[in-house]
Amino acid sequence: MSEKRTRTLRELTMADLAFVVATIAVFTLVVLVAKGVAKL
């Protein structure tokens, strides 16, 4: 049970890491676009 839970937790961690990186990338892009529009 513990071993299976650890494996699942590790997979979720990798998925969460990828999701967080993607979210930060999108958020950064939105901020840059917002700043560009503000300058116009």
N, C-alpha and C. Protein backbone atom coordinates (compact mmCIF):
# COMPACT_ATOMS: atom_id res chain seq x y z
N MET A 1 0.84 -1.20 0.00
CA MET A 1 0.00 0.00 0.00
C MET A 1 0.88 1.25 0.00
N SER A 2 1.85 1.25 0.89
CA SER A 2 2.73 2.42 1.00
C SER A 2 3.54 2.63 -0.27
N GLU A 3 4.01 1.51 -0.85
CA GLU A 3 4.83 1.60 -2.06
C GLU A 3 4.00 2.15 -3.22
N LYS A 4 2.77 1.66 -3.35
CA LYS A 4 1.89 2.13 -4.42
C LYS A 4 1.57 3.61 -4.23
N ARG A 5 1.33 4.00 -2.99
CA ARG A 5 1.00 5.39 -2.70
C ARG A 5 2.18 6.31 -3.04
N THR A 6 3.41 5.83 -2.74
CA THR A 6 4.61 6.63 -3.03
C THR A 6 4.77 6.80 -4.53
N ARG A 7 4.54 5.73 -5.29
CA ARG A 7 4.68 5.79 -6.74
C ARG A 7 3.65 6.79 -7.31
N THR A 8 2.41 6.70 -6.81
CA THR A 8 1.36 7.61 -7.28
C THR A 8 1.72 9.05 -6.92
N LEU A 9 2.21 9.24 -5.71
CA LEU A 9 2.58 10.58 -5.26
C LEU A 9 3.67 11.16 -6.15
N ARG A 10 4.64 10.29 -6.54
CA ARG A 10 5.74 10.74 -7.38
C ARG A 10 5.21 11.15 -8.75
N GLU A 11 4.28 10.37 -9.31
CA GLU A 11 3.70 10.69 -10.62
C GLU A 11 2.92 12.00 -10.54
N LEU A 12 2.17 12.17 -9.45
CA LEU A 12 1.41 13.41 -9.28
C LEU A 12 2.35 14.59 -9.15
N THR A 13 3.49 14.37 -8.47
CA THR A 13 4.46 15.45 -8.30
C THR A 13 5.01 15.89 -9.65
N MET A 14 5.33 14.94 -10.52
CA MET A 14 5.84 15.27 -11.85
C MET A 14 4.78 16.00 -12.65
N ALA A 15 3.53 15.54 -12.56
CA ALA A 15 2.43 16.18 -13.29
C ALA A 15 2.21 17.59 -12.74
N ASP A 16 2.24 17.72 -11.41
CA ASP A 16 2.06 19.04 -10.79
C ASP A 16 3.19 19.97 -11.19
N LEU A 17 4.41 19.45 -11.26
CA LEU A 17 5.57 20.27 -11.63
C LEU A 17 5.39 20.81 -13.05
N ALA A 18 4.99 19.93 -13.96
CA ALA A 18 4.78 20.34 -15.35
C ALA A 18 3.65 21.37 -15.43
N PHE A 19 2.59 21.13 -14.65
CA PHE A 19 1.45 22.06 -14.64
C PHE A 19 1.86 23.43 -14.11
N VAL A 20 2.64 23.44 -13.04
CA VAL A 20 3.10 24.70 -12.45
C VAL A 20 3.99 25.46 -13.43
N VAL A 21 4.90 24.75 -14.09
CA VAL A 21 5.80 25.39 -15.06
C VAL A 21 4.99 25.99 -16.20
N ALA A 22 4.00 25.25 -16.69
CA ALA A 22 3.16 25.74 -17.79
C ALA A 22 2.36 26.96 -17.34
N THR A 23 1.83 26.89 -16.11
CA THR A 23 1.05 28.01 -15.58
C THR A 23 1.90 29.27 -15.44
N ILE A 24 3.12 29.11 -14.93
CA ILE A 24 4.02 30.26 -14.78
C ILE A 24 4.38 30.84 -16.14
N ALA A 25 4.60 29.97 -17.12
CA ALA A 25 4.95 30.43 -18.46
C ALA A 25 3.80 31.25 -19.05
N VAL A 26 2.58 30.73 -18.93
CA VAL A 26 1.40 31.44 -19.46
C VAL A 26 1.21 32.76 -18.72
N PHE A 27 1.33 32.72 -17.39
CA PHE A 27 1.17 33.94 -16.59
C PHE A 27 2.19 35.00 -16.98
N THR A 28 3.44 34.57 -17.17
CA THR A 28 4.50 35.50 -17.58
C THR A 28 4.18 36.09 -18.95
N LEU A 29 3.71 35.26 -19.86
CA LEU A 29 3.35 35.74 -21.20
C LEU A 29 2.24 36.78 -21.12
N VAL A 30 1.23 36.51 -20.29
CA VAL A 30 0.12 37.45 -20.12
C VAL A 30 0.61 38.78 -19.56
N VAL A 31 1.51 38.73 -18.58
CA VAL A 31 2.06 39.95 -17.98
C VAL A 31 2.83 40.75 -19.02
N LEU A 32 3.64 40.07 -19.82
CA LEU A 32 4.43 40.76 -20.85
C LEU A 32 3.50 41.41 -21.88
N VAL A 33 2.47 40.69 -22.29
CA VAL A 33 1.50 41.24 -23.25
C VAL A 33 0.78 42.43 -22.64
N ALA A 34 0.41 42.33 -21.38
CA ALA A 34 -0.29 43.42 -20.71
C ALA A 34 0.59 44.66 -20.65
N LYS A 35 1.89 44.46 -20.35
CA LYS A 35 2.83 45.59 -20.30
C LYS A 35 2.98 46.19 -21.68
N GLY A 36 3.03 45.35 -22.72
CA GLY A 36 3.17 45.84 -24.09
C GLY A 36 1.97 46.67 -24.49
N VAL A 37 0.77 46.21 -24.12
CA VAL A 37 -0.47 46.94 -24.44
C VAL A 37 -0.48 48.26 -23.67
N ALA A 38 -0.03 48.23 -22.40
CA ALA A 38 -0.02 49.42 -21.58
C ALA A 38 0.89 50.49 -22.19
N LYS A 39 2.02 50.04 -22.79
CA LYS A 39 2.94 51.00 -23.40
C LYS A 39 2.31 51.65 -24.64
N LEU A 40 1.44 50.92 -25.31
CA LEU A 40 0.76 51.48 -26.47
C LEU A 40 -0.32 52.44 -26.01
